[in-house]
């Protein structure tokens, strides 16, 4: 068993990680924007999709620390908080499932299948026996679950259709979502290695994690360029306005330590790029 992580108090707000909600808002918002290009979308349905995405994101965040119950030296108060957060996370999943059932009743089986895949992926992120995070698959899962699947699922819920065009359009944002998780792994590399938390960066090494992080950021812009050409969307060039936010991110990523600013800088880039991406598609 591992030693206790002294810096964590497992408070509800800290475990909820509200700053990460930008991921769900952008992914579901992208699905909404793409759906609105296909057909008229009721505003209340779009808002409900955003709520479902936020609930799913909150659930993933709140159950994230459940595996820490195995840590040595964890006091009664912290154990109680972990269990409370876990119960709240399951409540969020239940509420998100309710939203999913509502849309499944409207649009049918394809969306229900996406919901099941998404829920299994969310629960399996840190829970045994799957625990993708401990297997070094967290980055891959987040790319698909909180990126591609959340965008495609939102689109399918609002239109009843599944289209590969939507999957392709989701890739730039999905790359930055995965980069955001990688930024956390890079920041916590030394602590995770000491605690024997086998993230992808711990398994493959810091240099590999840093290279992959830089590749994901670069891919975001490359895929946006390709999308603008494939789908004749010149307005996507507006996303280049987010490039100034890349430089401080790259500087921070090159540091051996400290790297505490890396996740918030990556989150800022995701927010700026994602907002511009949605605006370009909405106006295009």
Foldseek 3Di string as FASTA:
>chain_A
DFAADVVDQLALVVLQPVLLLLLLQLLLLLLVLVLVVVDNFDPVLSVLLSLLSSLLSSLLSLQQCVVVVPHPPDDPNSNVSSVVSNVSSVVSLVVSVVSQVVLCVVQHDVLVVLNVVLSVLSVLCCDPPRNCQQVQCNLVSQLVNSFQSSSQSSNCSRHSDGDVLSSLLRNLLSLLSSLLVLLVCLQCVVVCLNRVRDHNCVVVHNVVSLVSSVVSNVVSVVSLVVNCVVVVQVQLVQLCVLVVLVVVLNVLSPDNDDNVCNNVSSSVSSSSSSVSSSVSSNVD
